[in-house]
Amino acid sequence: MPAPRVHILCLMLLVLCAPYVGACGRQEQEQRKAFIAFLEKDVMAAGADRVRISDTTRKKIGNYLRHFDVITAYAKDLGDINARLAGEKTRIAALGPVPMDKIGSERARIERLAAALFRSAQQVDAVKARADAARAALKQPEDVRAAFDKAYAKEVSEYAAALHGLYAVQKDFYDEAARMGMFFEKHGEKIQIRNNTVTIDEQALAAEYNALQSALQEKSRKMQDALASGGSAAR
């Protein structure tokens, strides 16, 4: 007689569990649909930093809210790096412009800018690596992953790439300006500057200066183009 009672008890437990599992499944599906719609309609359209999540949306998204936190947290970290760099550039620029006849003595300021850009690019890479690791750790159904990856690419991957590219082209310019500064520092006694016109009597030195000036102008053009087209990177 004990054996049938065991079977009856197991059957009762299965019956009790079935509705609970079904309810959880429906809730997850509703949260999944709400999260996908939120990513596609809000985040992709407005941007993660401009989205305001209402209490109603938070309830609809449920546990997927922590997935969205991966996007917002690391996008904010990237923005903070850019803001700090902008502040440092402003402080250096506040010391005044560097005229051609002072480029040798002011080389340290130019090198500070190049170093700041290099550090910021490294910080961007580090944030992107941490973001990728956090993103990889998320357990997501295929439909959520597809929508999430698009939002993550826009708000984190593409943002990081834009900042890195912007910093690289600016650093190239300031590195070239520092090389010009070294040239003036080394050969200053052989160089005359009047009304922004550089005169060098020695042919070899004149050729070296012309090559440096040509490279500096080209990198200046690339920097201006990048700053003009990459303005959206400064959020």
C-alpha atoms as a PDB file:
ATOM      1  CA  MET A   1       0.000   0.000   0.000  1.00  0.00           C
ATOM      2  CA  PRO A   2       2.762   2.603   0.629  1.00  0.00           C
ATOM      3  CA  ALA A   3       3.902   2.473  -3.015  1.00  0.00           C
ATOM      4  CA  PRO A   4       0.649   3.825  -4.553  1.00  0.00           C
ATOM      5  CA  ARG A   5       0.684   6.728  -2.085  1.00  0.00           C
ATOM      6  CA  VAL A   6       4.129   7.740  -3.274  1.00  0.00           C
ATOM      7  CA  HIS A   7       2.958   7.745  -6.897  1.00  0.00           C
ATOM      8  CA  ILE A   8      -0.132   9.784  -6.019  1.00  0.00           C
ATOM      9  CA  LEU A   9       2.010  12.356  -4.148  1.00  0.00           C
ATOM     10  CA  CYS A  10       4.380  12.728  -7.116  1.00  0.00           C
ATOM     11  CA  LEU A  11       1.446  13.188  -9.465  1.00  0.00           C
ATOM     12  CA  MET A  12       0.000  15.917  -7.215  1.00  0.00           C
ATOM     13  CA  LEU A  13       3.356  17.746  -7.162  1.00  0.00           C
ATOM     14  CA  LEU A  14       3.581  17.674 -10.947  1.00  0.00           C
ATOM     15  CA  VAL A  15       0.090  19.083 -11.269  1.00  0.00           C
ATOM     16  CA  LEU A  16       0.894  21.867  -8.825  1.00  0.00           C
ATOM     17  CA  CYS A  17       4.138  22.765 -10.597  1.00  0.00           C
ATOM     18  CA  ALA A  18       2.730  22.893 -14.107  1.00  0.00           C
ATOM     19  CA  PRO A  19       0.739  26.155 -13.785  1.00  0.00           C
ATOM     20  CA  TYR A  20       3.692  27.858 -12.031  1.00  0.00           C
ATOM     21  CA  VAL A  21       6.122  27.005 -14.835  1.00  0.00           C
ATOM     22  CA  GLY A  22       3.647  28.197 -17.437  1.00  0.00           C
ATOM     23  CA  ALA A  23       3.152  31.514 -15.648  1.00  0.00           C
ATOM     24  CA  CYS A  24       6.914  32.104 -15.478  1.00  0.00           C
ATOM     25  CA  GLY A  25       7.244  31.338 -19.173  1.00  0.00           C
ATOM     26  CA  ARG A  26       4.546  33.815 -20.123  1.00  0.00           C
ATOM     27  CA  GLN A  27       6.070  36.521 -17.922  1.00  0.00           C
ATOM     28  CA  GLU A  28       9.488  36.045 -19.503  1.00  0.00           C
ATOM     29  CA  GLN A  29       8.007  36.200 -22.993  1.00  0.00           C
ATOM     30  CA  GLU A  30       6.209  39.449 -22.157  1.00  0.00           C
ATOM     31  CA  GLN A  31       9.394  40.957 -20.703  1.00  0.00           C
ATOM     32  CA  ARG A  32      11.343  39.808 -23.737  1.00  0.00           C
ATOM     33  CA  LYS A  33       8.892  41.425 -26.172  1.00  0.00           C
ATOM     34  CA  ALA A  34       8.846  44.652 -24.149  1.00  0.00           C
ATOM     35  CA  PHE A  35      12.657  44.785 -24.001  1.00  0.00           C
ATOM     36  CA  ILE A  36      13.052  44.187 -27.743  1.00  0.00           C
ATOM     37  CA  ALA A  37      10.493  46.904 -28.501  1.00  0.00           C
ATOM     38  CA  PHE A  38      12.277  49.270 -26.094  1.00  0.00           C
ATOM     39  CA  LEU A  39      15.643  48.659 -27.780  1.00  0.00           C
ATOM     40  CA  GLU A  40      14.304  49.030 -31.301  1.00  0.00           C
ATOM     41  CA  LYS A  41      11.931  51.953 -30.809  1.00  0.00           C
ATOM     42  CA  ASP A  42      13.597  53.993 -28.083  1.00  0.00           C
ATOM     43  CA  VAL A  43      17.307  53.242 -27.825  1.00  0.00           C
ATOM     44  CA  MET A  44      18.018  52.966 -31.547  1.00  0.00           C
ATOM     45  CA  ALA A  45      16.044  56.140 -32.259  1.00  0.00           C
ATOM     46  CA  ALA A  46      17.068  58.424 -29.407  1.00  0.00           C
ATOM     47  CA  GLY A  47      20.235  56.945 -27.936  1.00  0.00           C
ATOM     48  CA  ALA A  48      20.809  55.289 -24.580  1.00  0.00           C
ATOM     49  CA  ASP A  49      21.923  58.515 -22.902  1.00  0.00           C
ATOM     50  CA  ARG A  50      18.712  60.319 -23.881  1.00  0.00           C
ATOM     51  CA  VAL A  51      16.214  57.574 -23.034  1.00  0.00           C
ATOM     52  CA  ARG A  52      14.157  58.082 -19.910  1.00  0.00           C
ATOM     53  CA  ILE A  53      12.711  54.822 -18.586  1.00  0.00           C
ATOM     54  CA  SER A  54       9.339  55.189 -16.892  1.00  0.00           C
ATOM     55  CA  ASP A  55       8.287  52.994 -13.973  1.00  0.00           C
ATOM     56  CA  THR A  56       5.803  51.320 -16.296  1.00  0.00           C
ATOM     57  CA  THR A  57       8.547  50.432 -18.774  1.00  0.00           C
ATOM     58  CA  ARG A  58      10.767  49.167 -15.962  1.00  0.00           C
ATOM     59  CA  LYS A  59       8.027  46.789 -14.852  1.00  0.00           C
ATOM     60  CA  LYS A  60       7.427  45.613 -18.418  1.00  0.00           C
ATOM     61  CA  ILE A  61      11.114  44.967 -19.051  1.00  0.00           C
ATOM     62  CA  GLY A  62      11.644  43.279 -15.694  1.00  0.00           C
ATOM     63  CA  ASN A  63      14.912  41.364 -15.381  1.00  0.00           C
ATOM     64  CA  TYR A  64      16.090  42.564 -18.788  1.00  0.00           C
ATOM     65  CA  LEU A  65      16.703  45.995 -17.292  1.00  0.00           C
ATOM     66  CA  ARG A  66      20.097  44.788 -16.054  1.00  0.00           C
ATOM     67  CA  HIS A  67      20.975  43.916 -19.657  1.00  0.00           C
ATOM     68  CA  PHE A  68      20.275  47.504 -20.653  1.00  0.00           C
ATOM     69  CA  ASP A  69      22.462  48.638 -17.739  1.00  0.00           C
ATOM     70  CA  VAL A  70      25.447  47.098 -19.544  1.00  0.00           C
ATOM     71  CA  ILE A  71      24.877  49.514 -22.428  1.00  0.00           C
ATOM     72  CA  THR A  72      24.252  52.612 -20.328  1.00  0.00           C
ATOM     73  CA  ALA A  73      27.078  52.021 -17.839  1.00  0.00           C
ATOM     74  CA  TYR A  74      29.817  51.593 -20.420  1.00  0.00           C
ATOM     75  CA  ALA A  75      28.482  54.278 -22.762  1.00  0.00           C
ATOM     76  CA  LYS A  76      28.661  56.635 -19.782  1.00  0.00           C
ATOM     77  CA  ASP A  77      32.241  55.558 -19.056  1.00  0.00           C
ATOM     78  CA  LEU A  78      33.184  56.429 -22.647  1.00  0.00           C
ATOM     79  CA  GLY A  79      31.476  59.796 -22.343  1.00  0.00           C
ATOM     80  CA  ASP A  80      33.335  60.503 -19.097  1.00  0.00           C
ATOM     81  CA  ILE A  81      36.672  59.810 -20.797  1.00  0.00           C
ATOM     82  CA  ASN A  82      35.798  62.238 -23.580  1.00  0.00           C
ATOM     83  CA  ALA A  83      34.689  64.897 -21.085  1.00  0.00           C
ATOM     84  CA  ARG A  84      37.917  64.615 -19.074  1.00  0.00           C
ATOM     85  CA  LEU A  85      39.992  64.923 -22.226  1.00  0.00           C
ATOM     86  CA  ALA A  86      38.025  67.982 -23.336  1.00  0.00           C
ATOM     87  CA  GLY A  87      38.693  69.575 -19.952  1.00  0.00           C
ATOM     88  CA  GLU A  88      42.422  68.902 -20.180  1.00  0.00           C
ATOM     89  CA  LYS A  89      42.595  70.289 -23.724  1.00  0.00           C
ATOM     90  CA  THR A  90      40.740  73.408 -22.576  1.00  0.00           C
ATOM     91  CA  ARG A  91      43.168  73.956 -19.709  1.00  0.00           C
ATOM     92  CA  ILE A  92      46.158  73.656 -22.034  1.00  0.00           C
ATOM     93  CA  ALA A  93      44.556  75.877 -24.685  1.00  0.00           C
ATOM     94  CA  ALA A  94      43.857  78.520 -22.028  1.00  0.00           C
ATOM     95  CA  LEU A  95      47.610  79.166 -21.891  1.00  0.00           C
ATOM     96  CA  GLY A  96      47.269  80.769 -25.330  1.00  0.00           C
ATOM     97  CA  PRO A  97      48.146  79.847 -28.919  1.00  0.00           C
ATOM     98  CA  VAL A  98      51.587  78.627 -29.892  1.00  0.00           C
ATOM     99  CA  PRO A  99      53.056  80.934 -32.567  1.00  0.00           C
ATOM    100  CA  MET A 100      55.599  79.567 -34.993  1.00  0.00           C
ATOM    101  CA  ASP A 101      58.497  81.417 -33.400  1.00  0.00           C
ATOM    102  CA  LYS A 102      57.637  79.853 -30.021  1.00  0.00           C
ATOM    103  CA  ILE A 103      57.041  76.297 -31.206  1.00  0.00           C
ATOM    104  CA  GLY A 104      60.435  75.144 -29.950  1.00  0.00           C
ATOM    105  CA  SER A 105      60.092  76.556 -26.437  1.00  0.00           C
ATOM    106  CA  GLU A 106      56.426  75.492 -26.196  1.00  0.00           C
ATOM    107  CA  ARG A 107      57.038  71.911 -27.294  1.00  0.00           C
ATOM    108  CA  ALA A 108      56.223  70.604 -23.807  1.00  0.00           C
ATOM    109  CA  ARG A 109      52.642  71.892 -24.121  1.00  0.00           C
ATOM    110  CA  ILE A 110      52.243  70.164 -27.470  1.00  0.00           C
ATOM    111  CA  GLU A 111      53.593  66.913 -26.050  1.00  0.00           C
ATOM    112  CA  ARG A 112      51.131  67.165 -23.134  1.00  0.00           C
ATOM    113  CA  LEU A 113      48.279  67.225 -25.619  1.00  0.00           C
ATOM    114  CA  ALA A 114      49.653  64.223 -27.497  1.00  0.00           C
ATOM    115  CA  ALA A 115      50.096  62.320 -24.228  1.00  0.00           C
ATOM    116  CA  ALA A 116      46.546  63.157 -23.096  1.00  0.00           C
ATOM    117  CA  LEU A 117      45.138  61.853 -26.373  1.00  0.00           C
ATOM    118  CA  PHE A 118      47.189  58.670 -26.092  1.00  0.00           C
ATOM    119  CA  ARG A 119      46.003  58.032 -22.523  1.00  0.00           C
ATOM    120  CA  SER A 120      42.404  58.639 -23.495  1.00  0.00           C
ATOM    121  CA  ALA A 121      42.640  56.188 -26.394  1.00  0.00           C
ATOM    122  CA  GLN A 122      44.029  53.552 -24.013  1.00  0.00           C
ATOM    123  CA  GLN A 123      41.185  54.219 -21.576  1.00  0.00           C
ATOM    124  CA  VAL A 124      38.642  53.830 -24.370  1.00  0.00           C
ATOM    125  CA  ASP A 125      40.169  50.457 -25.273  1.00  0.00           C
ATOM    126  CA  ALA A 126      40.024  49.334 -21.637  1.00  0.00           C
ATOM    127  CA  VAL A 127      36.360  50.338 -21.255  1.00  0.00           C
ATOM    128  CA  LYS A 128      35.478  48.611 -24.517  1.00  0.00           C
ATOM    129  CA  ALA A 129      37.172  45.400 -23.333  1.00  0.00           C
ATOM    130  CA  ARG A 130      35.247  45.449 -20.040  1.00  0.00           C
ATOM    131  CA  ALA A 131      32.006  46.175 -21.887  1.00  0.00           C
ATOM    132  CA  ASP A 132      32.568  43.293 -24.295  1.00  0.00           C
ATOM    133  CA  ALA A 133      33.211  40.944 -21.367  1.00  0.00           C
ATOM    134  CA  ALA A 134      30.028  42.066 -19.601  1.00  0.00           C
ATOM    135  CA  ARG A 135      28.071  41.733 -22.823  1.00  0.00           C
ATOM    136  CA  ALA A 136      29.424  38.208 -23.420  1.00  0.00           C
ATOM    137  CA  ALA A 137      28.352  37.162 -19.921  1.00  0.00           C
ATOM    138  CA  LEU A 138      24.689  37.961 -20.582  1.00  0.00           C
ATOM    139  CA  LYS A 139      22.436  34.979 -21.205  1.00  0.00           C
ATOM    140  CA  GLN A 140      19.994  36.020 -23.910  1.00  0.00           C
ATOM    141  CA  PRO A 141      17.508  34.296 -26.208  1.00  0.00           C
ATOM    142  CA  GLU A 142      18.289  34.692 -29.904  1.00  0.00           C
ATOM    143  CA  ASP A 143      15.649  37.363 -30.564  1.00  0.00           C
ATOM    144  CA  VAL A 144      16.843  39.452 -27.626  1.00  0.00           C
ATOM    145  CA  ARG A 145      20.473  39.002 -28.673  1.00  0.00           C
ATOM    146  CA  ALA A 146      19.734  40.262 -32.191  1.00  0.00           C
ATOM    147  CA  ALA A 147      18.077  43.449 -30.931  1.00  0.00           C
ATOM    148  CA  PHE A 148      20.585  43.938 -28.110  1.00  0.00           C
ATOM    149  CA  ASP A 149      23.599  43.572 -30.399  1.00  0.00           C
ATOM    150  CA  LYS A 150      22.357  46.386 -32.647  1.00  0.00           C
ATOM    151  CA  ALA A 151      21.849  48.733 -29.701  1.00  0.00           C
ATOM    152  CA  TYR A 152      25.175  47.702 -28.136  1.00  0.00           C
ATOM    153  CA  ALA A 153      26.997  48.278 -31.424  1.00  0.00           C
ATOM    154  CA  LYS A 154      25.513  51.757 -31.794  1.00  0.00           C
ATOM    155  CA  GLU A 155      25.922  52.928 -28.213  1.00  0.00           C
ATOM    156  CA  VAL A 156      29.176  51.219 -27.195  1.00  0.00           C
ATOM    157  CA  SER A 157      31.155  49.666 -30.066  1.00  0.00           C
ATOM    158  CA  GLU A 158      30.673  52.442 -32.631  1.00  0.00           C
ATOM    159  CA  TYR A 159      31.024  55.149 -29.987  1.00  0.00           C
ATOM    160  CA  ALA A 160      34.325  53.670 -28.810  1.00  0.00           C
ATOM    161  CA  ALA A 161      35.583  53.350 -32.390  1.00  0.00           C
ATOM    162  CA  ALA A 162      34.629  56.959 -33.157  1.00  0.00           C
ATOM    163  CA  LEU A 163      36.440  58.266 -30.082  1.00  0.00           C
ATOM    164  CA  HIS A 164      39.509  56.128 -30.742  1.00  0.00           C
ATOM    165  CA  GLY A 165      39.721  57.299 -34.345  1.00  0.00           C
ATOM    166  CA  LEU A 166      39.238  60.921 -33.338  1.00  0.00           C
ATOM    167  CA  TYR A 167      41.968  60.723 -30.715  1.00  0.00           C
ATOM    168  CA  ALA A 168      44.368  58.972 -33.084  1.00  0.00           C
ATOM    169  CA  VAL A 169      44.163  61.604 -35.822  1.00  0.00           C
ATOM    170  CA  GLN A 170      44.586  64.436 -33.307  1.00  0.00           C
ATOM    171  CA  LYS A 171      47.557  62.714 -31.705  1.00  0.00           C
ATOM    172  CA  ASP A 172      49.165  62.359 -35.152  1.00  0.00           C
ATOM    173  CA  PHE A 173      48.903  66.113 -35.633  1.00  0.00           C
ATOM    174  CA  TYR A 174      50.366  66.986 -32.230  1.00  0.00           C
ATOM    175  CA  ASP A 175      53.150  64.421 -32.640  1.00  0.00           C
ATOM    176  CA  GLU A 176      54.047  66.104 -35.932  1.00  0.00           C
ATOM    177  CA  ALA A 177      53.882  69.531 -34.282  1.00  0.00           C
ATOM    178  CA  ALA A 178      56.244  68.265 -31.567  1.00  0.00           C
ATOM    179  CA  ARG A 179      58.676  67.112 -34.262  1.00  0.00           C
ATOM    180  CA  MET A 180      58.527  70.599 -35.750  1.00  0.00           C
ATOM    181  CA  GLY A 181      59.189  71.993 -32.284  1.00  0.00           C
ATOM    182  CA  MET A 182      62.260  69.786 -31.926  1.00  0.00           C
ATOM    183  CA  PHE A 183      63.490  71.051 -35.303  1.00  0.00           C
ATOM    184  CA  PHE A 184      63.155  74.694 -34.217  1.00  0.00           C
ATOM    185  CA  GLU A 185      64.697  73.920 -30.838  1.00  0.00           C
ATOM    186  CA  LYS A 186      67.710  72.293 -32.477  1.00  0.00           C
ATOM    187  CA  HIS A 187      68.273  74.727 -35.351  1.00  0.00           C
ATOM    188  CA  GLY A 188      66.764  77.923 -33.961  1.00  0.00           C
ATOM    189  CA  GLU A 189      69.893  80.000 -34.506  1.00  0.00           C
ATOM    190  CA  LYS A 190      69.787  79.205 -38.240  1.00  0.00           C
ATOM    191  CA  ILE A 191      66.102  80.100 -38.662  1.00  0.00           C
ATOM    192  CA  GLN A 192      64.644  83.572 -39.144  1.00  0.00           C
ATOM    193  CA  ILE A 193      60.918  84.285 -38.738  1.00  0.00           C
ATOM    194  CA  ARG A 194      59.431  87.594 -39.834  1.00  0.00           C
ATOM    195  CA  ASN A 195      55.733  88.228 -40.374  1.00  0.00           C
ATOM    196  CA  ASN A 196      55.079  84.490 -40.125  1.00  0.00           C
ATOM    197  CA  THR A 197      57.570  83.860 -42.923  1.00  0.00           C
ATOM    198  CA  VAL A 198      60.318  81.322 -42.234  1.00  0.00           C
ATOM    199  CA  THR A 199      63.708  81.881 -43.820  1.00  0.00           C
ATOM    200  CA  ILE A 200      66.431  79.221 -43.755  1.00  0.00           C
ATOM    201  CA  ASP A 201      69.613  79.755 -45.714  1.00  0.00           C
ATOM    202  CA  GLU A 202      70.998  76.222 -45.560  1.00  0.00           C
ATOM    203  CA  GLN A 203      69.465  74.160 -48.347  1.00  0.00           C
ATOM    204  CA  ALA A 204      69.446  70.870 -46.441  1.00  0.00           C
ATOM    205  CA  LEU A 205      67.746  72.446 -43.436  1.00  0.00           C
ATOM    206  CA  ALA A 206      65.251  74.231 -45.694  1.00  0.00           C
ATOM    207  CA  ALA A 207      64.362  70.921 -47.329  1.00  0.00           C
ATOM    208  CA  GLU A 208      63.913  69.286 -43.917  1.00  0.00           C
ATOM    209  CA  TYR A 209      61.697  72.147 -42.766  1.00  0.00           C
ATOM    210  CA  ASN A 210      59.584  71.993 -45.933  1.00  0.00           C
ATOM    211  CA  ALA A 211      59.041  68.259 -45.455  1.00  0.00           C
ATOM    212  CA  LEU A 212      58.003  68.803 -41.823  1.00  0.00           C
ATOM    213  CA  GLN A 213      55.718  71.671 -42.781  1.00  0.00           C
ATOM    214  CA  SER A 214      54.087  69.635 -45.541  1.00  0.00           C
ATOM    215  CA  ALA A 215      53.443  66.721 -43.162  1.00  0.00           C
ATOM    216  CA  LEU A 216      52.097  69.076 -40.498  1.00  0.00           C
ATOM    217  CA  GLN A 217      49.677  70.701 -42.933  1.00  0.00           C
ATOM    218  CA  GLU A 218      48.441  67.320 -44.152  1.00  0.00           C
ATOM    219  CA  LYS A 219      47.847  66.070 -40.627  1.00  0.00           C
ATOM    220  CA  SER A 220      46.169  69.329 -39.733  1.00  0.00           C
ATOM    221  CA  ARG A 221      43.783  68.854 -42.671  1.00  0.00           C
ATOM    222  CA  LYS A 222      43.002  65.295 -41.582  1.00  0.00           C
ATOM    223  CA  MET A 223      42.412  66.427 -38.013  1.00  0.00           C
ATOM    224  CA  GLN A 224      40.033  69.187 -39.083  1.00  0.00           C
ATOM    225  CA  ASP A 225      38.138  66.770 -41.323  1.00  0.00           C
ATOM    226  CA  ALA A 226      37.866  64.242 -38.501  1.00  0.00           C
ATOM    227  CA  LEU A 227      36.692  66.866 -36.012  1.00  0.00           C
ATOM    228  CA  ALA A 228      34.099  68.138 -38.474  1.00  0.00           C
ATOM    229  CA  SER A 229      32.716  64.684 -39.294  1.00  0.00           C
ATOM    230  CA  GLY A 230      33.155  63.197 -35.822  1.00  0.00           C
ATOM    231  CA  GLY A 231      31.302  65.823 -33.829  1.00  0.00           C
ATOM    232  CA  SER A 232      28.671  63.270 -32.822  1.00  0.00           C
ATOM    233  CA  ALA A 233      31.326  61.461 -30.794  1.00  0.00           C
ATOM    234  CA  ALA A 234      31.298  64.301 -28.274  1.00  0.00           C
ATOM    235  CA  ARG A 235      28.015  63.501 -26.510  1.00  0.00           C
END
